[in-house]
């Protein structure tokens, strides 16, 4: 999927691990795209993120699992990473935003918002896993 033997593959891998914000696009049953910023965790094979219950992205994924996750580009189009894939709303009560890797990545953001990892997990209690079908990177 992601060829880390290439310069751009290595760069995309690094950004997927370190970037804090991704832009998730889901599509409604009527075909209307819906894009929101999300926090996410890349494990080398899939992307994990968490949602508040009842949000539109969850309803969209239920009806149409095809999504994209685009990473912020602050260089005028010179550093693009886009993940296309299928999303699944997971029903695993053990999968929470208190995962050590997730907390390590976002603890500074949580503290800046006055939240603990437990508060984050309580508010964003719905796990979503994105399985990539294609990853594009260029600049």
N, C-alpha and C. Protein backbone atom coordinates (compact mmCIF):
# COMPACT_ATOMS: atom_id res chain seq x y z
N UNK A 1 0.83 -1.20 0.00
CA UNK A 1 0.00 0.00 0.00
C UNK A 1 0.87 1.26 0.00
N UNK A 2 1.60 1.46 1.09
CA UNK A 2 2.48 2.62 1.19
C UNK A 2 3.91 2.11 1.05
N UNK A 3 4.55 2.47 -0.05
CA UNK A 3 5.91 1.99 -0.33
C UNK A 3 6.91 2.88 0.39
N UNK A 4 7.35 2.43 1.56
CA UNK A 4 8.29 3.23 2.35
C UNK A 4 9.73 3.10 1.85
N UNK A 5 9.92 2.42 0.73
CA UNK A 5 11.24 2.37 0.09
C UNK A 5 11.47 3.58 -0.80
N UNK A 6 10.41 4.35 -1.06
CA UNK A 6 10.54 5.55 -1.87
C UNK A 6 10.62 6.77 -0.97
N UNK A 7 11.16 7.85 -1.49
CA UNK A 7 11.27 9.09 -0.72
C UNK A 7 9.89 9.59 -0.29
N UNK A 8 8.95 9.61 -1.23
CA UNK A 8 7.61 10.11 -0.90
C UNK A 8 6.87 9.14 0.02
N UNK A 9 7.10 7.84 -0.13
CA UNK A 9 6.49 6.87 0.78
C UNK A 9 6.96 7.06 2.21
N UNK A 10 8.26 7.27 2.38
CA UNK A 10 8.82 7.53 3.71
C UNK A 10 8.25 8.82 4.28
N UNK A 11 8.18 9.83 3.43
CA UNK A 11 7.66 11.13 3.87
C UNK A 11 6.18 11.02 4.27
N UNK A 12 5.39 10.32 3.48
CA UNK A 12 3.96 10.14 3.80
C UNK A 12 3.81 9.38 5.12
N UNK A 13 4.60 8.34 5.32
CA UNK A 13 4.57 7.57 6.57
C UNK A 13 4.87 8.47 7.76
N UNK A 14 5.90 9.31 7.63
CA UNK A 14 6.27 10.21 8.72
C UNK A 14 5.14 11.19 9.02
N UNK A 15 4.53 11.73 7.99
CA UNK A 15 3.43 12.68 8.21
C UNK A 15 2.22 12.00 8.81
N UNK A 16 1.91 10.79 8.37
CA UNK A 16 0.77 10.07 8.95
C UNK A 16 1.00 9.78 10.43
N UNK A 17 2.23 9.60 10.82
CA UNK A 17 2.53 9.35 12.23
C UNK A 17 2.57 10.64 13.06
N UNK A 18 3.01 11.75 12.46
CA UNK A 18 3.25 12.95 13.27
C UNK A 18 2.23 14.07 13.11
N UNK A 19 1.59 14.20 11.96
CA UNK A 19 0.61 15.28 11.79
C UNK A 19 -0.50 15.13 12.82
N UNK A 20 -0.96 16.25 13.35
CA UNK A 20 -1.99 16.21 14.39
C UNK A 20 -3.40 16.29 13.83
N UNK A 21 -3.57 16.94 12.70
CA UNK A 21 -4.91 17.14 12.14
C UNK A 21 -4.99 16.53 10.75
N UNK A 22 -6.07 15.81 10.51
CA UNK A 22 -6.40 15.32 9.18
C UNK A 22 -7.79 15.80 8.84
N UNK A 23 -8.08 15.91 7.56
CA UNK A 23 -9.40 16.34 7.10
C UNK A 23 -10.13 15.13 6.55
N UNK A 24 -11.13 14.67 7.29
CA UNK A 24 -11.90 13.48 6.93
C UNK A 24 -13.10 13.89 6.09
N UNK A 25 -13.24 13.27 4.93
CA UNK A 25 -14.41 13.49 4.09
C UNK A 25 -15.21 12.21 4.00
N UNK A 26 -16.48 12.32 4.40
CA UNK A 26 -17.45 11.24 4.24
C UNK A 26 -18.49 11.71 3.23
N UNK A 27 -19.33 10.79 2.79
CA UNK A 27 -20.34 11.14 1.79
C UNK A 27 -21.69 10.61 2.26
N UNK A 28 -22.71 11.47 2.18
CA UNK A 28 -24.06 11.08 2.60
C UNK A 28 -24.69 10.15 1.57
N UNK A 29 -25.82 9.57 1.94
CA UNK A 29 -26.52 8.68 1.01
C UNK A 29 -27.00 9.42 -0.24
N UNK A 30 -27.16 10.75 -0.14
CA UNK A 30 -27.57 11.54 -1.31
C UNK A 30 -26.37 12.02 -2.13
N UNK A 31 -25.15 11.65 -1.70
CA UNK A 31 -23.96 12.01 -2.45
C UNK A 31 -23.30 13.31 -2.03
N UNK A 32 -23.78 13.92 -0.96
CA UNK A 32 -23.22 15.19 -0.51
C UNK A 32 -21.97 14.94 0.35
N UNK A 33 -20.81 15.53 -0.03
CA UNK A 33 -19.61 15.35 0.78
C UNK A 33 -19.68 16.17 2.07
N UNK A 34 -19.03 15.67 3.09
CA UNK A 34 -18.99 16.32 4.40
C UNK A 34 -17.55 16.18 4.92
N UNK A 35 -16.87 17.30 5.15
CA UNK A 35 -15.47 17.29 5.56
C UNK A 35 -15.32 17.95 6.92
N UNK A 36 -14.58 17.26 7.81
CA UNK A 36 -14.33 17.77 9.16
C UNK A 36 -12.88 17.49 9.56
N UNK A 37 -12.30 18.36 10.41
CA UNK A 37 -10.97 18.06 10.94
C UNK A 37 -11.08 17.00 12.03
N UNK A 38 -10.10 16.09 12.06
CA UNK A 38 -10.10 15.03 13.06
C UNK A 38 -8.68 14.80 13.58
N UNK A 39 -8.61 14.28 14.80
CA UNK A 39 -7.37 13.73 15.34
C UNK A 39 -7.35 12.27 14.94
N UNK A 40 -6.17 11.73 14.67
CA UNK A 40 -6.10 10.36 14.17
C UNK A 40 -4.80 9.70 14.59
N UNK A 41 -4.79 8.38 14.53
CA UNK A 41 -3.61 7.59 14.87
C UNK A 41 -3.36 6.59 13.76
N UNK A 42 -2.17 6.65 13.16
CA UNK A 42 -1.74 5.74 12.09
C UNK A 42 -0.88 4.67 12.72
N UNK A 43 -1.20 3.40 12.47
CA UNK A 43 -0.42 2.30 13.04
C UNK A 43 0.46 1.60 12.01
N UNK A 44 0.53 2.16 10.81
CA UNK A 44 1.31 1.55 9.75
C UNK A 44 0.46 0.78 8.76
N UNK A 45 -0.77 0.45 9.17
CA UNK A 45 -1.70 -0.30 8.32
C UNK A 45 -3.08 0.34 8.22
N UNK A 46 -3.49 1.02 9.27
CA UNK A 46 -4.83 1.62 9.28
C UNK A 46 -4.81 2.88 10.13
N UNK A 47 -5.91 3.62 10.05
CA UNK A 47 -6.05 4.87 10.79
C UNK A 47 -7.18 4.70 11.78
N UNK A 48 -6.92 5.11 13.02
CA UNK A 48 -7.93 5.06 14.06
C UNK A 48 -8.27 6.49 14.46
N UNK A 49 -9.55 6.79 14.57
CA UNK A 49 -9.98 8.08 15.07
C UNK A 49 -11.22 7.88 15.93
N UNK A 50 -11.60 8.91 16.64
CA UNK A 50 -12.73 8.82 17.55
C UNK A 50 -13.71 9.95 17.27
N UNK A 51 -14.99 9.66 17.43
CA UNK A 51 -16.05 10.63 17.17
C UNK A 51 -16.95 10.75 18.40
N UNK A 52 -17.60 11.88 18.50
CA UNK A 52 -18.67 12.01 19.47
C UNK A 52 -19.86 11.20 18.95
N UNK A 53 -20.68 10.65 19.85
CA UNK A 53 -21.85 9.88 19.41
C UNK A 53 -22.81 10.73 18.58
N UNK A 54 -23.47 10.09 17.63
CA UNK A 54 -24.54 10.72 16.87
C UNK A 54 -24.12 11.72 15.82
N UNK A 55 -22.85 11.84 15.55
CA UNK A 55 -22.38 12.82 14.58
C UNK A 55 -22.64 12.38 13.14
N UNK A 56 -22.72 13.36 12.24
CA UNK A 56 -23.02 13.10 10.83
C UNK A 56 -22.01 12.15 10.19
N UNK A 57 -20.74 12.28 10.54
CA UNK A 57 -19.75 11.39 9.94
C UNK A 57 -20.06 9.93 10.23
N UNK A 58 -20.58 9.63 11.43
CA UNK A 58 -20.95 8.25 11.77
C UNK A 58 -22.13 7.77 10.93
N UNK A 59 -23.11 8.62 10.75
CA UNK A 59 -24.27 8.25 9.92
C UNK A 59 -23.84 8.05 8.47
N UNK A 60 -22.97 8.94 7.98
CA UNK A 60 -22.49 8.80 6.60
C UNK A 60 -21.72 7.50 6.41
N UNK A 61 -20.83 7.17 7.34
CA UNK A 61 -20.04 5.95 7.24
C UNK A 61 -20.94 4.72 7.26
N UNK A 62 -22.00 4.78 8.05
CA UNK A 62 -22.94 3.66 8.12
C UNK A 62 -23.59 3.41 6.75
N UNK A 63 -23.87 4.48 6.02
CA UNK A 63 -24.54 4.37 4.72
C UNK A 63 -23.56 4.21 3.56
N UNK A 64 -22.36 4.76 3.72
CA UNK A 64 -21.37 4.73 2.64
C UNK A 64 -19.98 4.72 3.29
N UNK A 65 -19.29 3.59 3.29
CA UNK A 65 -18.02 3.49 4.02
C UNK A 65 -16.82 4.14 3.34
N UNK A 66 -16.97 4.62 2.12
CA UNK A 66 -15.83 5.18 1.39
C UNK A 66 -15.51 6.59 1.88
N UNK A 67 -14.25 6.80 2.26
CA UNK A 67 -13.82 8.08 2.84
C UNK A 67 -12.46 8.48 2.27
N UNK A 68 -12.11 9.74 2.52
CA UNK A 68 -10.73 10.19 2.31
C UNK A 68 -10.28 10.91 3.57
N UNK A 69 -8.99 10.85 3.81
CA UNK A 69 -8.36 11.62 4.87
C UNK A 69 -7.20 12.37 4.22
N UNK A 70 -7.27 13.69 4.25
CA UNK A 70 -6.23 14.52 3.66
C UNK A 70 -5.48 15.24 4.77
N UNK A 71 -4.17 15.28 4.66
CA UNK A 71 -3.36 15.97 5.66
C UNK A 71 -3.19 17.42 5.25
N UNK A 72 -3.16 18.30 6.26
CA UNK A 72 -2.96 19.72 6.02
C UNK A 72 -1.73 19.95 5.17
N UNK A 73 -1.82 20.90 4.27
CA UNK A 73 -0.68 21.30 3.45
C UNK A 73 -0.47 22.78 3.68
N UNK A 74 0.63 23.12 4.29
CA UNK A 74 0.90 24.53 4.57
C UNK A 74 1.98 25.09 3.65
N UNK A 75 2.27 24.36 2.59
CA UNK A 75 3.34 24.79 1.69
C UNK A 75 2.83 25.11 0.29
N UNK A 76 1.60 25.57 0.19
CA UNK A 76 1.07 25.97 -1.11
C UNK A 76 0.94 24.84 -2.10
N UNK A 77 0.60 23.65 -1.62
CA UNK A 77 0.41 22.51 -2.52
C UNK A 77 1.66 21.68 -2.73
N UNK A 78 2.73 21.97 -1.98
CA UNK A 78 3.98 21.27 -2.18
C UNK A 78 4.19 20.06 -1.30
N UNK A 79 3.18 19.67 -0.53
CA UNK A 79 3.35 18.54 0.39
C UNK A 79 1.99 17.91 0.65
N UNK A 80 1.55 17.05 -0.24
CA UNK A 80 0.19 16.51 -0.20
C UNK A 80 0.22 15.04 0.17
N UNK A 81 -0.64 14.65 1.13
CA UNK A 81 -0.86 13.24 1.46
C UNK A 81 -2.37 13.04 1.55
N UNK A 82 -2.88 12.11 0.74
CA UNK A 82 -4.31 11.80 0.74
C UNK A 82 -4.48 10.30 0.86
N UNK A 83 -5.28 9.89 1.84
CA UNK A 83 -5.58 8.48 2.05
C UNK A 83 -7.02 8.23 1.61
N UNK A 84 -7.20 7.30 0.69
CA UNK A 84 -8.54 6.84 0.32
C UNK A 84 -8.75 5.50 0.99
N UNK A 85 -9.96 5.24 1.47
CA UNK A 85 -10.18 3.96 2.12
C UNK A 85 -11.61 3.73 2.50
N UNK A 86 -11.80 2.65 3.26
CA UNK A 86 -13.12 2.31 3.78
C UNK A 86 -13.08 2.48 5.29
N UNK A 87 -14.14 3.06 5.82
CA UNK A 87 -14.24 3.32 7.25
C UNK A 87 -15.26 2.38 7.88
N UNK A 88 -14.97 2.01 9.11
CA UNK A 88 -15.88 1.16 9.87
C UNK A 88 -16.05 1.75 11.26
N UNK A 89 -17.31 1.90 11.67
CA UNK A 89 -17.62 2.33 13.03
C UNK A 89 -17.51 1.08 13.91
N UNK A 90 -16.48 1.04 14.74
CA UNK A 90 -16.19 -0.15 15.53
C UNK A 90 -17.05 -0.21 16.79
N UNK A 91 -17.40 -1.40 17.19
CA UNK A 91 -18.21 -1.60 18.39
C UNK A 91 -17.37 -2.31 19.46
N UNK A 92 -16.16 -1.83 19.67
CA UNK A 92 -15.23 -2.44 20.62
C UNK A 92 -15.13 -1.55 21.86
N UNK A 93 -15.71 -1.97 23.00
CA UNK A 93 -15.68 -1.13 24.19
C UNK A 93 -14.28 -0.92 24.77
N UNK A 94 -13.32 -1.73 24.36
CA UNK A 94 -11.95 -1.58 24.85
C UNK A 94 -11.14 -0.58 24.04
N UNK A 95 -11.66 -0.15 22.91
CA UNK A 95 -10.96 0.78 22.04
C UNK A 95 -11.39 2.20 22.42
N UNK A 96 -10.51 2.90 23.14
CA UNK A 96 -10.86 4.22 23.65
C UNK A 96 -9.74 5.21 23.38
N UNK A 97 -10.09 6.48 23.50
CA UNK A 97 -9.12 7.56 23.28
C UNK A 97 -8.11 7.64 24.42
N UNK A 98 -8.12 6.66 25.32
CA UNK A 98 -7.09 6.58 26.36
C UNK A 98 -5.96 5.64 25.95
N UNK A 99 -5.99 5.13 24.70
CA UNK A 99 -4.89 4.30 24.21
C UNK A 99 -3.57 5.05 24.40
N UNK A 100 -2.55 4.39 24.93
CA UNK A 100 -1.29 5.10 25.20
C UNK A 100 -0.72 5.85 23.99
N UNK A 101 -0.77 5.24 22.80
CA UNK A 101 -0.22 5.90 21.61
C UNK A 101 -1.01 7.16 21.26
N UNK A 102 -2.32 7.09 21.42
CA UNK A 102 -3.19 8.23 21.12
C UNK A 102 -2.94 9.35 22.12
N UNK A 103 -2.88 8.99 23.41
CA UNK A 103 -2.63 9.99 24.46
C UNK A 103 -1.27 10.64 24.25
N UNK A 104 -0.25 9.85 23.95
CA UNK A 104 1.09 10.39 23.73
C UNK A 104 1.08 11.42 22.60
N UNK A 105 0.35 11.13 21.53
CA UNK A 105 0.31 12.03 20.38
C UNK A 105 -0.45 13.32 20.69
N UNK A 106 -1.52 13.22 21.50
CA UNK A 106 -2.43 14.36 21.66
C UNK A 106 -2.49 14.96 23.06
N UNK A 107 -1.66 14.51 23.99
CA UNK A 107 -1.78 15.00 25.36
C UNK A 107 -1.61 16.52 25.46
N UNK A 108 -0.71 17.11 24.68
CA UNK A 108 -0.53 18.57 24.73
C UNK A 108 -1.80 19.28 24.26
N UNK A 109 -2.43 18.76 23.20
CA UNK A 109 -3.69 19.36 22.71
C UNK A 109 -4.79 19.21 23.76
N UNK A 110 -4.87 18.02 24.38
CA UNK A 110 -5.88 17.79 25.41
C UNK A 110 -5.70 18.76 26.56
N UNK A 111 -4.47 18.90 27.03
CA UNK A 111 -4.19 19.81 28.15
C UNK A 111 -4.52 21.24 27.78
N UNK A 112 -4.21 21.65 26.55
CA UNK A 112 -4.51 23.01 26.10
C UNK A 112 -6.02 23.28 26.12
N UNK A 113 -6.81 22.22 25.94
CA UNK A 113 -8.27 22.35 25.97
C UNK A 113 -8.82 22.15 27.39
N UNK A 114 -7.92 21.87 28.34
CA UNK A 114 -8.35 21.64 29.71
C UNK A 114 -8.95 20.27 29.93
N UNK A 115 -8.61 19.31 29.08
CA UNK A 115 -9.16 17.96 29.17
C UNK A 115 -8.10 16.97 29.62
N UNK A 116 -8.57 15.92 30.28
CA UNK A 116 -7.73 14.75 30.54
C UNK A 116 -8.02 13.73 29.44
N UNK A 117 -7.20 12.71 29.37
CA UNK A 117 -7.45 11.64 28.39
C UNK A 117 -8.79 10.96 28.67
N UNK A 118 -9.14 10.84 29.95
CA UNK A 118 -10.41 10.22 30.31
C UNK A 118 -11.60 11.07 29.84
N UNK A 119 -11.49 12.39 29.95
CA UNK A 119 -12.55 13.27 29.46
C UNK A 119 -12.67 13.18 27.94
N UNK A 120 -11.53 13.12 27.28
CA UNK A 120 -11.53 12.96 25.82
C UNK A 120 -12.25 11.67 25.44
N UNK A 121 -11.89 10.58 26.12
CA UNK A 121 -12.49 9.28 25.82
C UNK A 121 -13.98 9.27 26.11
N UNK A 122 -14.40 10.00 27.11
CA UNK A 122 -15.83 10.06 27.45
C UNK A 122 -16.61 10.83 26.39
N UNK A 123 -16.05 11.93 25.89
CA UNK A 123 -16.72 12.76 24.88
C UNK A 123 -16.62 12.18 23.48
N UNK A 124 -15.48 11.61 23.16
CA UNK A 124 -15.23 11.03 21.83
C UNK A 124 -15.14 9.51 21.99
N UNK A 125 -16.28 8.90 22.17
CA UNK A 125 -16.36 7.49 22.59
C UNK A 125 -16.59 6.51 21.45
N UNK A 126 -16.73 7.01 20.22
CA UNK A 126 -17.05 6.13 19.09
C UNK A 126 -15.83 5.94 18.19
N UNK A 127 -15.20 4.75 18.24
CA UNK A 127 -14.01 4.52 17.41
C UNK A 127 -14.37 4.24 15.95
N UNK A 128 -13.54 4.77 15.07
CA UNK A 128 -13.68 4.56 13.62
C UNK A 128 -12.32 4.10 13.10
N UNK A 129 -12.31 3.03 12.34
CA UNK A 129 -11.06 2.56 11.71
C UNK A 129 -11.18 2.75 10.20
N UNK A 130 -10.16 3.37 9.63
CA UNK A 130 -10.06 3.53 8.18
C UNK A 130 -9.00 2.56 7.66
N UNK A 131 -9.41 1.70 6.75
CA UNK A 131 -8.49 0.80 6.09
C UNK A 131 -8.17 1.39 4.72
N UNK A 132 -6.93 1.81 4.51
CA UNK A 132 -6.58 2.44 3.23
C UNK A 132 -6.71 1.49 2.04
N UNK A 133 -7.21 2.04 0.94
CA UNK A 133 -7.20 1.33 -0.34
C UNK A 133 -6.18 1.96 -1.28
N UNK A 134 -5.85 3.23 -1.00
CA UNK A 134 -4.88 3.95 -1.82
C UNK A 134 -4.33 5.11 -0.99
N UNK A 135 -3.02 5.31 -1.08
CA UNK A 135 -2.39 6.46 -0.43
C UNK A 135 -1.58 7.19 -1.49
N UNK A 136 -1.89 8.47 -1.64
CA UNK A 136 -1.19 9.29 -2.62
C UNK A 136 -0.40 10.38 -1.90
N UNK A 137 0.81 10.62 -2.36
CA UNK A 137 1.64 11.68 -1.79
C UNK A 137 2.45 12.30 -2.91
N UNK A 138 2.53 13.61 -2.91
CA UNK A 138 3.33 14.32 -3.90
C UNK A 138 3.62 15.72 -3.43
N UNK A 139 4.48 16.36 -4.14
CA UNK A 139 4.80 17.74 -3.81
C UNK A 139 5.65 18.36 -4.87
